[in-house]
Amino acid sequence: MVTIGTVISRVKNQVKGVRQDAFLTDRYVYSVVVKYSQLLMRRQDSQNKLMKFNSIWRTLDCLELIEVDRIEACCAGIKSGCTIKRTKEKLPTMLEGYWGPLIRTVSSIDVSEELYATTPGQFTSMTKTTGFKYNKFKYFWYLNGYLYMPNLDWDAIKVEAIFTEDTTQGDQCTKKQDLGINVPEFLLAEIEAMVIKDLGARMSIPTDLSDDNINPNR
């Protein structure tokens, strides 16, 4: 497993190999890594190439659900009789793919039933079709950090996604740098090259000097 700290160190070492006076914080370098990771992951997602990389997906085994009204779920157009459940807490930040947050599965706790991704508008339209009463599928949508699920009587769900922050419940003293980076290893070289090029371009821009404010006619 390649850690976040390993990637940051490799980038900083290469940048400092060119500019010995380069000062880069780990936080800033990681923010640039995330930016290009998302760019390349979106490209992979658009080609449906991410699902097979099991190492990049993380699972939240039990997300508690609560009932909310249809207005909050953006489903005001649904006829009465529909109940909406929502994850009690917001999900950790997820990497954005080509089609939205990178979620591989939403299912029952025992994974015996899976929910299908939709949107409030699409689901509202479905409910107005004549054959909807025969539709036995379960659905979810992502909105403002929460997952919403119509007509679901479960108390909790299981979610598998690509998160950009730690989702473990282990040692709270674990440093972020020691966590694995949720990116396929074959993309890391390209990501690091893009980050180094970005940082190099930024550092080549001269900083503002106090002399710039001096009138040249003086």
N, C-alpha and C. Protein backbone atom coordinates (compact mmCIF):
# COMPACT_ATOMS: atom_id res chain seq x y z
N MET A 1 0.84 -1.19 0.00
CA MET A 1 0.00 0.00 0.00
C MET A 1 0.88 1.25 0.00
N VAL A 2 0.65 2.14 -0.93
CA VAL A 2 1.38 3.40 -1.00
C VAL A 2 0.68 4.41 -0.09
N THR A 3 1.42 5.02 0.80
CA THR A 3 0.82 5.97 1.75
C THR A 3 0.83 7.39 1.19
N ILE A 4 0.00 8.22 1.79
CA ILE A 4 -0.05 9.64 1.41
C ILE A 4 1.31 10.27 1.65
N GLY A 5 1.95 9.93 2.78
CA GLY A 5 3.26 10.49 3.10
C GLY A 5 4.33 10.13 2.08
N THR A 6 4.26 8.91 1.54
CA THR A 6 5.23 8.48 0.54
C THR A 6 5.12 9.33 -0.72
N VAL A 7 3.90 9.56 -1.17
CA VAL A 7 3.69 10.38 -2.37
C VAL A 7 4.15 11.81 -2.13
N ILE A 8 3.81 12.38 -0.98
CA ILE A 8 4.23 13.75 -0.66
C ILE A 8 5.75 13.85 -0.64
N SER A 9 6.42 12.89 -0.03
CA SER A 9 7.88 12.90 0.07
C SER A 9 8.53 12.82 -1.31
N ARG A 10 7.99 11.96 -2.16
CA ARG A 10 8.56 11.81 -3.50
C ARG A 10 8.45 13.12 -4.29
N VAL A 11 7.29 13.77 -4.17
CA VAL A 11 7.09 15.04 -4.87
C VAL A 11 8.04 16.10 -4.33
N LYS A 12 8.11 16.24 -3.02
CA LYS A 12 8.95 17.28 -2.41
C LYS A 12 10.42 17.06 -2.73
N ASN A 13 10.86 15.81 -2.72
CA ASN A 13 12.26 15.52 -3.01
C ASN A 13 12.62 15.90 -4.44
N GLN A 14 11.72 15.64 -5.38
CA GLN A 14 12.00 15.98 -6.77
C GLN A 14 11.98 17.48 -7.00
N VAL A 15 11.04 18.17 -6.35
CA VAL A 15 10.98 19.62 -6.49
C VAL A 15 12.22 20.26 -5.89
N LYS A 16 12.64 19.80 -4.71
CA LYS A 16 13.82 20.37 -4.06
C LYS A 16 15.10 20.01 -4.79
N GLY A 17 15.03 18.95 -5.62
CA GLY A 17 16.20 18.62 -6.43
C GLY A 17 16.47 19.68 -7.48
N VAL A 18 15.43 20.43 -7.84
CA VAL A 18 15.56 21.50 -8.83
C VAL A 18 15.77 22.84 -8.16
N ARG A 19 15.01 23.04 -7.05
CA ARG A 19 15.12 24.30 -6.31
C ARG A 19 15.37 24.00 -4.85
N GLN A 20 16.59 24.21 -4.43
CA GLN A 20 16.96 23.89 -3.06
C GLN A 20 16.26 24.77 -2.04
N ASP A 21 15.82 25.96 -2.46
CA ASP A 21 15.17 26.88 -1.52
C ASP A 21 13.65 26.69 -1.49
N ALA A 22 13.17 25.67 -2.17
CA ALA A 22 11.72 25.46 -2.23
C ALA A 22 11.17 25.09 -0.85
N PHE A 23 10.15 25.80 -0.42
CA PHE A 23 9.50 25.49 0.85
C PHE A 23 8.05 25.11 0.57
N LEU A 24 7.72 23.86 0.84
CA LEU A 24 6.39 23.36 0.55
C LEU A 24 5.86 22.62 1.77
N THR A 25 4.67 22.96 2.21
CA THR A 25 4.07 22.24 3.33
C THR A 25 3.45 20.95 2.81
N ASP A 26 3.39 19.95 3.68
CA ASP A 26 2.75 18.69 3.29
C ASP A 26 1.30 18.91 2.91
N ARG A 27 0.63 19.78 3.66
CA ARG A 27 -0.80 20.03 3.39
C ARG A 27 -1.00 20.59 1.99
N TYR A 28 -0.14 21.53 1.59
CA TYR A 28 -0.30 22.14 0.27
C TYR A 28 0.00 21.13 -0.83
N VAL A 29 1.09 20.37 -0.67
CA VAL A 29 1.43 19.38 -1.68
C VAL A 29 0.30 18.37 -1.84
N TYR A 30 -0.26 17.94 -0.71
CA TYR A 30 -1.35 16.95 -0.77
C TYR A 30 -2.58 17.53 -1.47
N SER A 31 -2.86 18.82 -1.27
CA SER A 31 -4.01 19.43 -1.94
C SER A 31 -3.84 19.41 -3.46
N VAL A 32 -2.60 19.58 -3.93
CA VAL A 32 -2.34 19.52 -5.37
C VAL A 32 -2.42 18.08 -5.86
N VAL A 33 -1.96 17.13 -5.04
CA VAL A 33 -2.07 15.71 -5.38
C VAL A 33 -3.53 15.32 -5.54
N VAL A 34 -4.38 15.77 -4.60
CA VAL A 34 -5.82 15.46 -4.67
C VAL A 34 -6.43 16.05 -5.94
N LYS A 35 -6.00 17.28 -6.29
CA LYS A 35 -6.56 17.93 -7.49
C LYS A 35 -6.30 17.09 -8.74
N TYR A 36 -5.07 16.63 -8.92
CA TYR A 36 -4.75 15.86 -10.12
C TYR A 36 -5.22 14.41 -10.02
N SER A 37 -5.31 13.90 -8.80
CA SER A 37 -5.89 12.57 -8.63
C SER A 37 -7.33 12.58 -9.10
N GLN A 38 -8.06 13.60 -8.72
CA GLN A 38 -9.46 13.70 -9.12
C GLN A 38 -9.59 13.83 -10.63
N LEU A 39 -8.69 14.61 -11.23
CA LEU A 39 -8.73 14.79 -12.68
C LEU A 39 -8.55 13.45 -13.41
N LEU A 40 -7.56 12.68 -13.00
CA LEU A 40 -7.29 11.41 -13.68
C LEU A 40 -8.30 10.34 -13.30
N MET A 41 -8.80 10.38 -12.08
CA MET A 41 -9.82 9.41 -11.67
C MET A 41 -11.12 9.66 -12.43
N ARG A 42 -11.43 10.92 -12.68
CA ARG A 42 -12.62 11.23 -13.48
C ARG A 42 -12.47 10.64 -14.89
N ARG A 43 -11.27 10.73 -15.42
CA ARG A 43 -11.02 10.17 -16.75
C ARG A 43 -11.22 8.65 -16.74
N GLN A 44 -10.70 8.00 -15.71
CA GLN A 44 -10.88 6.56 -15.60
C GLN A 44 -12.34 6.19 -15.39
N ASP A 45 -13.04 7.00 -14.58
CA ASP A 45 -14.45 6.73 -14.31
C ASP A 45 -15.28 6.86 -15.57
N SER A 46 -14.95 7.83 -16.42
CA SER A 46 -15.70 8.02 -17.67
C SER A 46 -15.55 6.81 -18.59
N GLN A 47 -14.47 6.05 -18.39
CA GLN A 47 -14.23 4.86 -19.20
C GLN A 47 -14.58 3.57 -18.45
N ASN A 48 -15.24 3.74 -17.29
CA ASN A 48 -15.66 2.60 -16.46
C ASN A 48 -14.50 1.67 -16.10
N LYS A 49 -13.38 2.25 -15.71
CA LYS A 49 -12.19 1.47 -15.41
C LYS A 49 -11.83 1.41 -13.92
N LEU A 50 -12.65 1.99 -13.06
CA LEU A 50 -12.29 2.05 -11.65
C LEU A 50 -12.86 0.90 -10.81
N MET A 51 -13.95 0.31 -11.25
CA MET A 51 -14.65 -0.67 -10.43
C MET A 51 -13.77 -1.86 -10.03
N LYS A 52 -12.83 -2.23 -10.88
CA LYS A 52 -12.05 -3.44 -10.63
C LYS A 52 -10.92 -3.24 -9.63
N PHE A 53 -10.61 -2.01 -9.27
CA PHE A 53 -9.51 -1.74 -8.34
C PHE A 53 -10.02 -1.75 -6.90
N ASN A 54 -10.09 -2.93 -6.32
CA ASN A 54 -10.67 -3.07 -4.98
C ASN A 54 -9.95 -2.27 -3.91
N SER A 55 -8.63 -2.08 -4.07
CA SER A 55 -7.84 -1.44 -3.02
C SER A 55 -8.21 0.03 -2.80
N ILE A 56 -8.84 0.67 -3.77
CA ILE A 56 -9.13 2.11 -3.62
C ILE A 56 -10.49 2.38 -2.99
N TRP A 57 -11.31 1.33 -2.85
CA TRP A 57 -12.65 1.51 -2.30
C TRP A 57 -12.65 1.25 -0.79
N ARG A 58 -13.39 2.07 -0.05
CA ARG A 58 -13.50 1.92 1.39
C ARG A 58 -14.97 1.70 1.75
N THR A 59 -15.21 0.95 2.81
CA THR A 59 -16.58 0.59 3.19
C THR A 59 -16.96 1.18 4.54
N LEU A 60 -18.15 1.77 4.59
CA LEU A 60 -18.78 2.18 5.84
C LEU A 60 -19.85 1.13 6.12
N ASP A 61 -19.63 0.32 7.13
CA ASP A 61 -20.45 -0.88 7.33
C ASP A 61 -21.85 -0.62 7.87
N CYS A 62 -22.03 0.49 8.57
CA CYS A 62 -23.35 0.70 9.19
C CYS A 62 -23.63 2.18 9.34
N LEU A 63 -24.36 2.72 8.39
CA LEU A 63 -24.76 4.12 8.44
C LEU A 63 -26.22 4.20 8.87
N GLU A 64 -26.45 4.82 10.01
CA GLU A 64 -27.81 4.92 10.55
C GLU A 64 -28.68 5.81 9.68
N LEU A 65 -29.96 5.44 9.56
CA LEU A 65 -30.91 6.19 8.75
C LEU A 65 -31.98 6.84 9.61
N ILE A 66 -32.46 7.99 9.18
CA ILE A 66 -33.57 8.66 9.83
C ILE A 66 -34.59 9.06 8.77
N GLU A 67 -35.81 9.27 9.17
CA GLU A 67 -36.85 9.68 8.22
C GLU A 67 -36.89 11.19 8.11
N VAL A 68 -37.02 11.69 6.88
CA VAL A 68 -37.08 13.14 6.64
C VAL A 68 -38.25 13.42 5.70
N ASP A 69 -38.56 14.70 5.55
CA ASP A 69 -39.69 15.03 4.67
C ASP A 69 -39.24 15.13 3.22
N ARG A 70 -40.21 15.13 2.31
CA ARG A 70 -39.93 15.12 0.88
C ARG A 70 -39.32 16.42 0.40
N ILE A 71 -39.60 17.52 1.10
CA ILE A 71 -39.06 18.82 0.70
C ILE A 71 -37.54 18.80 0.82
N GLU A 72 -37.06 18.30 1.95
CA GLU A 72 -35.60 18.23 2.15
C GLU A 72 -34.94 17.36 1.10
N ALA A 73 -35.62 16.29 0.70
CA ALA A 73 -35.06 15.35 -0.27
C ALA A 73 -35.28 15.81 -1.71
N CYS A 74 -35.83 17.03 -1.90
CA CYS A 74 -36.09 17.58 -3.23
C CYS A 74 -37.06 16.72 -4.02
N CYS A 75 -38.05 16.17 -3.32
CA CYS A 75 -39.05 15.32 -3.98
C CYS A 75 -40.46 15.81 -3.69
N ALA A 76 -40.66 17.11 -3.73
CA ALA A 76 -41.97 17.67 -3.43
C ALA A 76 -43.03 17.20 -4.41
N GLY A 77 -42.61 16.79 -5.62
CA GLY A 77 -43.56 16.38 -6.64
C GLY A 77 -44.08 14.96 -6.50
N ILE A 78 -43.54 14.21 -5.54
CA ILE A 78 -43.99 12.83 -5.34
C ILE A 78 -45.34 12.83 -4.63
N LYS A 79 -46.23 11.97 -5.05
CA LYS A 79 -47.55 11.88 -4.44
C LYS A 79 -47.44 11.35 -3.01
N SER A 80 -48.45 11.57 -2.22
CA SER A 80 -48.45 11.12 -0.83
C SER A 80 -48.32 9.61 -0.76
N GLY A 81 -47.80 9.13 0.36
CA GLY A 81 -47.62 7.70 0.53
C GLY A 81 -46.17 7.28 0.43
N CYS A 82 -45.31 8.21 -0.01
CA CYS A 82 -43.89 7.91 -0.14
C CYS A 82 -43.15 8.43 1.08
N THR A 83 -42.38 7.57 1.72
CA THR A 83 -41.54 8.00 2.85
C THR A 83 -40.10 8.09 2.37
N ILE A 84 -39.34 9.01 2.94
CA ILE A 84 -37.95 9.23 2.56
C ILE A 84 -37.06 9.04 3.78
N LYS A 85 -36.04 8.24 3.62
CA LYS A 85 -35.03 8.11 4.67
C LYS A 85 -33.72 8.73 4.19
N ARG A 86 -32.92 9.16 5.20
CA ARG A 86 -31.66 9.82 4.90
C ARG A 86 -30.61 9.33 5.89
N THR A 87 -29.36 9.30 5.47
CA THR A 87 -28.29 8.97 6.42
C THR A 87 -28.30 10.03 7.53
N LYS A 88 -28.20 9.58 8.76
CA LYS A 88 -28.28 10.50 9.90
C LYS A 88 -27.15 11.52 9.87
N GLU A 89 -25.95 11.06 9.53
CA GLU A 89 -24.79 11.94 9.45
C GLU A 89 -24.36 12.09 8.00
N LYS A 90 -23.67 13.19 7.72
CA LYS A 90 -23.11 13.36 6.39
C LYS A 90 -22.03 12.32 6.14
N LEU A 91 -21.89 11.91 4.90
CA LEU A 91 -20.83 10.99 4.54
C LEU A 91 -19.49 11.71 4.53
N PRO A 92 -18.40 10.99 4.80
CA PRO A 92 -17.08 11.62 4.62
C PRO A 92 -16.94 12.11 3.19
N THR A 93 -16.06 13.07 2.99
CA THR A 93 -15.85 13.62 1.66
C THR A 93 -15.43 12.53 0.69
N MET A 94 -16.05 12.51 -0.46
CA MET A 94 -15.75 11.50 -1.48
C MET A 94 -15.09 12.15 -2.69
N LEU A 95 -14.32 11.35 -3.40
CA LEU A 95 -13.71 11.81 -4.63
C LEU A 95 -14.80 11.94 -5.69
N GLU A 96 -14.77 13.03 -6.43
CA GLU A 96 -15.76 13.26 -7.48
C GLU A 96 -15.31 12.58 -8.78
N GLY A 97 -16.15 11.73 -9.30
CA GLY A 97 -15.88 11.08 -10.57
C GLY A 97 -16.56 11.81 -11.71
N TYR A 98 -16.61 11.16 -12.86
CA TYR A 98 -17.21 11.77 -14.05
C TYR A 98 -18.70 11.99 -13.88
N TRP A 99 -19.35 11.07 -13.13
CA TRP A 99 -20.80 11.14 -12.98
C TRP A 99 -21.23 11.66 -11.62
N GLY A 100 -20.27 12.03 -10.78
CA GLY A 100 -20.59 12.48 -9.43
C GLY A 100 -19.70 11.78 -8.41
N PRO A 101 -20.06 11.81 -7.13
CA PRO A 101 -19.25 11.14 -6.11
C PRO A 101 -19.04 9.67 -6.45
N LEU A 102 -17.83 9.19 -6.22
CA LEU A 102 -17.50 7.81 -6.60
C LEU A 102 -18.01 6.83 -5.55
N ILE A 103 -19.22 6.34 -5.79
CA ILE A 103 -19.87 5.36 -4.92
C ILE A 103 -20.02 4.07 -5.72
N ARG A 104 -19.47 2.97 -5.19
CA ARG A 104 -19.58 1.70 -5.90
C ARG A 104 -20.85 0.95 -5.53
N THR A 105 -21.17 0.87 -4.26
CA THR A 105 -22.40 0.17 -3.85
C THR A 105 -23.04 0.84 -2.64
N VAL A 106 -24.35 0.79 -2.61
CA VAL A 106 -25.16 1.11 -1.43
C VAL A 106 -26.06 -0.09 -1.24
N SER A 107 -26.01 -0.70 -0.07
CA SER A 107 -26.73 -1.96 0.12
C SER A 107 -27.22 -2.12 1.55
N SER A 108 -27.93 -3.22 1.76
CA SER A 108 -28.32 -3.60 3.12
C SER A 108 -27.06 -3.99 3.88
N ILE A 109 -27.15 -4.04 5.19
CA ILE A 109 -25.99 -4.36 6.02
C ILE A 109 -25.39 -5.72 5.64
N ASP A 110 -26.24 -6.68 5.33
CA ASP A 110 -25.75 -8.02 4.98
C ASP A 110 -25.46 -8.16 3.48
N VAL A 111 -25.57 -7.07 2.74
CA VAL A 111 -25.28 -7.02 1.30
C VAL A 111 -26.19 -7.93 0.48
N SER A 112 -27.34 -8.31 1.04
CA SER A 112 -28.26 -9.17 0.30
C SER A 112 -29.10 -8.39 -0.70
N GLU A 113 -29.25 -7.08 -0.47
CA GLU A 113 -30.01 -6.24 -1.39
C GLU A 113 -29.22 -4.98 -1.70
N GLU A 114 -29.25 -4.60 -2.96
CA GLU A 114 -28.50 -3.42 -3.39
C GLU A 114 -29.45 -2.34 -3.88
N LEU A 115 -29.08 -1.08 -3.64
CA LEU A 115 -29.87 0.05 -4.10
C LEU A 115 -29.25 0.60 -5.39
N TYR A 116 -30.09 1.24 -6.20
CA TYR A 116 -29.65 1.77 -7.48
C TYR A 116 -29.64 3.29 -7.45
N ALA A 117 -28.59 3.85 -8.04
CA ALA A 117 -28.43 5.30 -8.03
C ALA A 117 -29.44 5.97 -8.96
N THR A 118 -29.99 7.10 -8.49
CA THR A 118 -30.89 7.90 -9.30
C THR A 118 -30.78 9.35 -8.84
N THR A 119 -31.69 10.19 -9.27
CA THR A 119 -31.75 11.58 -8.83
C THR A 119 -33.18 11.87 -8.36
N PRO A 120 -33.37 12.94 -7.58
CA PRO A 120 -34.74 13.27 -7.15
C PRO A 120 -35.69 13.44 -8.33
N GLY A 121 -35.21 14.11 -9.39
CA GLY A 121 -36.06 14.34 -10.55
C GLY A 121 -36.41 13.06 -11.28
N GLN A 122 -35.42 12.18 -11.44
CA GLN A 122 -35.67 10.91 -12.13
C GLN A 122 -36.64 10.04 -11.33
N PHE A 123 -36.45 10.02 -10.01
CA PHE A 123 -37.33 9.18 -9.20
C PHE A 123 -38.75 9.74 -9.20
N THR A 124 -38.88 11.05 -9.12
CA THR A 124 -40.21 11.66 -9.16
C THR A 124 -40.93 11.31 -10.46
N SER A 125 -40.18 11.35 -11.57
CA SER A 125 -40.77 10.98 -12.87
C SER A 125 -41.18 9.52 -12.89
N MET A 126 -40.38 8.65 -12.29
CA MET A 126 -40.70 7.23 -12.24
C MET A 126 -42.02 6.98 -11.51
N THR A 127 -42.22 7.70 -10.42
CA THR A 127 -43.42 7.47 -9.61
C THR A 127 -44.70 7.83 -10.36
N LYS A 128 -44.58 8.61 -11.42
CA LYS A 128 -45.75 9.05 -12.17
C LYS A 128 -46.09 8.13 -13.35
N THR A 129 -45.27 7.10 -13.55
CA THR A 129 -45.55 6.16 -14.64
C THR A 129 -46.56 5.10 -14.18
N THR A 130 -47.30 4.56 -15.12
CA THR A 130 -48.35 3.59 -14.77
C THR A 130 -47.78 2.28 -14.23
N GLY A 131 -46.59 1.93 -14.64
CA GLY A 131 -46.03 0.66 -14.20
C GLY A 131 -45.19 0.74 -12.94
N PHE A 132 -45.11 1.93 -12.32
CA PHE A 132 -44.22 2.08 -11.16
C PHE A 132 -44.62 1.18 -9.99
N LYS A 133 -45.92 0.91 -9.83
CA LYS A 133 -46.35 0.10 -8.70
C LYS A 133 -45.79 -1.33 -8.77
N TYR A 134 -45.31 -1.73 -9.94
CA TYR A 134 -44.73 -3.06 -10.08
C TYR A 134 -43.19 -3.03 -9.94
N ASN A 135 -42.66 -1.84 -9.76
CA ASN A 135 -41.20 -1.67 -9.64
C ASN A 135 -40.75 -2.06 -8.24
N LYS A 136 -39.98 -3.11 -8.13
CA LYS A 136 -39.53 -3.61 -6.83
C LYS A 136 -38.10 -3.18 -6.49
N PHE A 137 -37.47 -2.39 -7.35
CA PHE A 137 -36.11 -1.96 -7.08
C PHE A 137 -36.09 -0.90 -5.97
N LYS A 138 -34.95 -0.83 -5.30
CA LYS A 138 -34.73 0.19 -4.27
C LYS A 138 -33.72 1.20 -4.80
N TYR A 139 -33.92 2.47 -4.46
CA TYR A 139 -33.11 3.53 -5.04
C TYR A 139 -32.50 4.43 -3.96
N PHE A 140 -31.47 5.16 -4.39
CA PHE A 140 -30.86 6.18 -3.52
C PHE A 140 -30.36 7.32 -4.39
N TRP A 141 -30.17 8.48 -3.77
CA TRP A 141 -29.48 9.57 -4.44
C TRP A 141 -28.65 10.33 -3.41
N TYR A 142 -27.63 11.01 -3.92
CA TYR A 142 -26.69 11.78 -3.08
C TYR A 142 -27.03 13.25 -3.20
N LEU A 143 -27.13 13.93 -2.05
CA LEU A 143 -27.51 15.34 -2.07
C LEU A 143 -26.95 16.02 -0.82
N ASN A 144 -26.15 17.06 -1.04
CA ASN A 144 -25.62 17.88 0.06
C ASN A 144 -24.91 17.07 1.14
N GLY A 145 -24.21 16.02 0.73
CA GLY A 145 -23.43 15.25 1.68
C GLY A 145 -24.15 14.06 2.28
N TYR A 146 -25.44 13.92 2.00
CA TYR A 146 -26.24 12.82 2.54
C TYR A 146 -26.69 11.88 1.42
N LEU A 147 -27.07 10.67 1.81
CA LEU A 147 -27.75 9.76 0.91
C LEU A 147 -29.23 9.72 1.30
N TYR A 148 -30.09 9.77 0.28
CA TYR A 148 -31.54 9.71 0.49
C TYR A 148 -32.09 8.46 -0.17
N MET A 149 -33.07 7.83 0.50
CA MET A 149 -33.64 6.58 0.01
C MET A 149 -35.15 6.58 0.18
N PRO A 150 -35.91 6.51 -0.89
CA PRO A 150 -37.37 6.50 -0.80
C PRO A 150 -37.91 5.10 -0.51
N ASN A 151 -38.98 5.07 0.26
CA ASN A 151 -39.72 3.82 0.53
C ASN A 151 -38.80 2.69 1.03
N LEU A 152 -37.95 3.02 1.97
CA LEU A 152 -37.03 2.04 2.54
C LEU A 152 -37.31 1.91 4.04
N ASP A 153 -37.49 0.69 4.51
CA ASP A 153 -37.81 0.50 5.92
C ASP A 153 -36.62 0.01 6.74
N TRP A 154 -35.42 0.11 6.20
CA TRP A 154 -34.23 -0.31 6.92
C TRP A 154 -33.82 0.74 7.95
N ASP A 155 -33.06 0.30 8.95
CA ASP A 155 -32.53 1.21 9.96
C ASP A 155 -31.14 1.70 9.63
N ALA A 156 -30.46 0.98 8.73
CA ALA A 156 -29.08 1.34 8.39
C ALA A 156 -28.72 0.76 7.03
N ILE A 157 -27.66 1.29 6.43
CA ILE A 157 -27.19 0.81 5.14
C ILE A 157 -25.67 0.66 5.17
N LYS A 158 -25.16 -0.01 4.15
CA LYS A 158 -23.72 -0.18 3.97
C LYS A 158 -23.31 0.56 2.70
N VAL A 159 -22.22 1.31 2.75
CA VAL A 159 -21.80 2.12 1.60
C VAL A 159 -20.34 1.84 1.27
N GLU A 160 -20.06 1.68 -0.01
CA GLU A 160 -18.69 1.48 -0.49
C GLU A 160 -18.39 2.60 -1.48
N ALA A 161 -17.34 3.37 -1.19
CA ALA A 161 -17.03 4.54 -2.02
C ALA A 161 -15.54 4.84 -1.95
N ILE A 162 -15.12 5.85 -2.71
CA ILE A 162 -13.74 6.33 -2.64
C ILE A 162 -13.75 7.62 -1.85
N PHE A 163 -13.26 7.53 -0.62
CA PHE A 163 -13.27 8.68 0.28
C PHE A 163 -11.91 9.38 0.27
N THR A 164 -11.94 10.70 0.45
CA THR A 164 -10.70 11.47 0.48
C THR A 164 -10.26 11.76 1.90
N GLU A 165 -10.96 11.24 2.87
CA GLU A 165 -10.55 11.39 4.27
C GLU A 165 -10.66 10.04 4.96
N ASP A 166 -10.00 9.93 6.09
CA ASP A 166 -9.94 8.66 6.79
C ASP A 166 -11.33 8.25 7.28
N THR A 167 -11.68 6.97 7.07
CA THR A 167 -12.99 6.46 7.51
C THR A 167 -12.84 5.39 8.58
N THR A 168 -11.62 5.12 9.03
CA THR A 168 -11.41 4.08 10.03
C THR A 168 -11.76 4.58 11.41
N GLN A 169 -12.01 3.64 12.30
CA GLN A 169 -12.32 3.97 13.68
C GLN A 169 -11.16 3.54 14.59
N GLY A 170 -9.97 3.48 14.04
CA GLY A 170 -8.82 3.01 14.80
C GLY A 170 -8.19 4.10 15.64
N ASP A 171 -6.87 4.02 15.74
CA ASP A 171 -6.11 4.95 16.56
C ASP A 171 -6.30 6.39 16.07
N GLN A 172 -6.84 7.24 16.95
CA GLN A 172 -7.09 8.62 16.58
C GLN A 172 -5.79 9.41 16.40
N CYS A 173 -4.67 8.84 16.86
CA CYS A 173 -3.39 9.53 16.74
C CYS A 173 -2.68 9.21 15.43
N THR A 174 -3.29 8.36 14.61
CA THR A 174 -2.68 8.01 13.33
C THR A 174 -2.58 9.25 12.45
N LYS A 175 -1.39 9.50 11.93
CA LYS A 175 -1.19 10.66 11.07
C LYS A 175 -1.79 10.42 9.69
N LYS A 176 -2.25 11.50 9.08
CA LYS A 176 -2.83 11.38 7.73
C LYS A 176 -1.79 10.85 6.75
N GLN A 177 -0.52 11.23 6.95
CA GLN A 177 0.53 10.78 6.04
C GLN A 177 0.71 9.27 6.05
N ASP A 178 0.27 8.61 7.13
CA ASP A 178 0.45 7.16 7.25
C ASP A 178 -0.70 6.38 6.63
N LEU A 179 -1.73 7.08 6.17
CA LEU A 179 -2.87 6.42 5.56
C LEU A 179 -2.57 6.09 4.10
N GLY A 180 -3.21 5.05 3.60
CA GLY A 180 -3.04 4.70 2.19
C GLY A 180 -3.72 5.72 1.30
N ILE A 181 -3.13 5.99 0.15
CA ILE A 181 -3.75 6.91 -0.80
C ILE A 181 -4.69 6.12 -1.71
N ASN A 182 -5.92 6.57 -1.80
CA ASN A 182 -6.96 5.82 -2.53
C ASN A 182 -6.92 6.13 -4.02
N VAL A 183 -5.82 5.75 -4.63
CA VAL A 183 -5.62 5.97 -6.06
C VAL A 183 -4.95 4.72 -6.63
N PRO A 184 -5.40 4.22 -7.79
CA PRO A 184 -4.72 3.07 -8.41
C PRO A 184 -3.23 3.36 -8.60
N GLU A 185 -2.39 2.42 -8.26
CA GLU A 185 -0.94 2.66 -8.31
C GLU A 185 -0.44 3.01 -9.69
N PHE A 186 -1.11 2.50 -10.74
CA PHE A 186 -0.62 2.78 -12.09
C PHE A 186 -0.81 4.25 -12.47
N LEU A 187 -1.61 4.99 -11.71
CA LEU A 187 -1.83 6.42 -11.98
C LEU A 187 -0.85 7.31 -11.23
N LEU A 188 -0.18 6.77 -10.21
CA LEU A 188 0.62 7.61 -9.32
C LEU A 188 1.76 8.33 -10.04
N ALA A 189 2.44 7.64 -10.93
CA ALA A 189 3.56 8.28 -11.64
C ALA A 189 3.08 9.49 -12.44
N GLU A 190 1.95 9.33 -13.12
CA GLU A 190 1.40 10.43 -13.92
C GLU A 190 0.94 11.57 -13.02
N ILE A 191 0.30 11.23 -11.91
CA ILE A 191 -0.15 12.25 -10.96
C ILE A 191 1.03 13.03 -10.40
N GLU A 192 2.06 12.31 -9.97
CA GLU A 192 3.24 12.96 -9.41
C GLU A 192 3.91 13.88 -10.43
N ALA A 193 3.98 13.44 -11.68
CA ALA A 193 4.58 14.28 -12.73
C ALA A 193 3.78 15.56 -12.92
N MET A 194 2.46 15.46 -12.89
CA MET A 194 1.61 16.64 -13.05
C MET A 194 1.74 17.58 -11.87
N VAL A 195 1.84 17.02 -10.66
CA VAL A 195 1.99 17.84 -9.46
C VAL A 195 3.32 18.57 -9.49
N ILE A 196 4.40 17.88 -9.85
CA ILE A 196 5.73 18.49 -9.90
C ILE A 196 5.76 19.62 -10.94
N LYS A 197 5.13 19.39 -12.09
CA LYS A 197 5.07 20.43 -13.12
C LYS A 197 4.30 21.64 -12.61
N ASP A 198 3.18 21.39 -11.93
CA ASP A 198 2.35 22.47 -11.37
C ASP A 198 3.14 23.27 -10.35
N LEU A 199 3.78 22.59 -9.42
CA LEU A 199 4.54 23.28 -8.37
C LEU A 199 5.72 24.03 -8.96
N GLY A 200 6.37 23.43 -9.95
CA GLY A 200 7.50 24.10 -10.59
C GLY A 200 7.09 25.39 -11.26
N ALA A 201 5.91 25.36 -11.92
CA ALA A 201 5.41 26.57 -12.60
C ALA A 201 5.07 27.65 -11.59
N ARG A 202 4.48 27.25 -10.48
CA ARG A 202 4.11 28.23 -9.45
C ARG A 202 5.34 28.88 -8.83
N MET A 203 6.37 28.09 -8.60
CA MET A 203 7.56 28.62 -7.93
C MET A 203 8.44 29.44 -8.87
N SER A 204 8.21 29.32 -10.18
CA SER A 204 9.00 30.09 -11.13
C SER A 204 8.48 31.50 -11.29
N ILE A 205 7.27 31.76 -10.77
CA ILE A 205 6.69 33.10 -10.83
C ILE A 205 7.35 33.97 -9.76
N PRO A 206 7.97 35.06 -10.12
CA PRO A 206 8.65 35.87 -9.11
C PRO A 206 7.67 36.44 -8.10
N THR A 207 8.10 36.49 -6.85
CA THR A 207 7.25 37.05 -5.80
C THR A 207 7.28 38.55 -5.87
N ASP A 208 6.24 39.20 -5.32
CA ASP A 208 6.17 40.66 -5.28
C ASP A 208 7.26 41.19 -4.36
N LEU A 209 8.00 42.15 -4.84
CA LEU A 209 9.05 42.77 -4.05
C LEU A 209 8.60 44.15 -3.60
N SER A 210 9.13 44.56 -2.47
CA SER A 210 8.75 45.88 -1.95
C SER A 210 9.17 46.98 -2.91
N ASP A 211 10.26 46.72 -3.71
CA ASP A 211 10.73 47.73 -4.67
C ASP A 211 9.72 47.98 -5.77
N ASP A 212 8.77 47.04 -5.96
CA ASP A 212 7.78 47.21 -7.02
C ASP A 212 6.91 48.43 -6.77
N ASN A 213 6.83 48.83 -5.51
CA ASN A 213 5.97 49.97 -5.17
C ASN A 213 6.69 51.29 -5.26
N ILE A 214 7.98 51.22 -5.60
CA ILE A 214 8.78 52.46 -5.67
C ILE A 214 8.58 53.10 -7.04
N ASN A 215 8.32 54.39 -7.06
CA ASN A 215 8.14 55.12 -8.31
C ASN A 215 9.46 55.14 -9.08
N PRO A 216 9.48 54.61 -10.31
CA PRO A 216 10.74 54.56 -11.07
C PRO A 216 11.28 55.92 -11.44
N ASN A 217 10.42 56.98 -11.35
CA ASN A 217 10.88 58.32 -11.71
C ASN A 217 11.61 58.99 -10.57
N ARG A 218 11.61 58.37 -9.38
CA ARG A 218 12.28 59.01 -8.25
C ARG A 218 13.80 58.88 -8.40
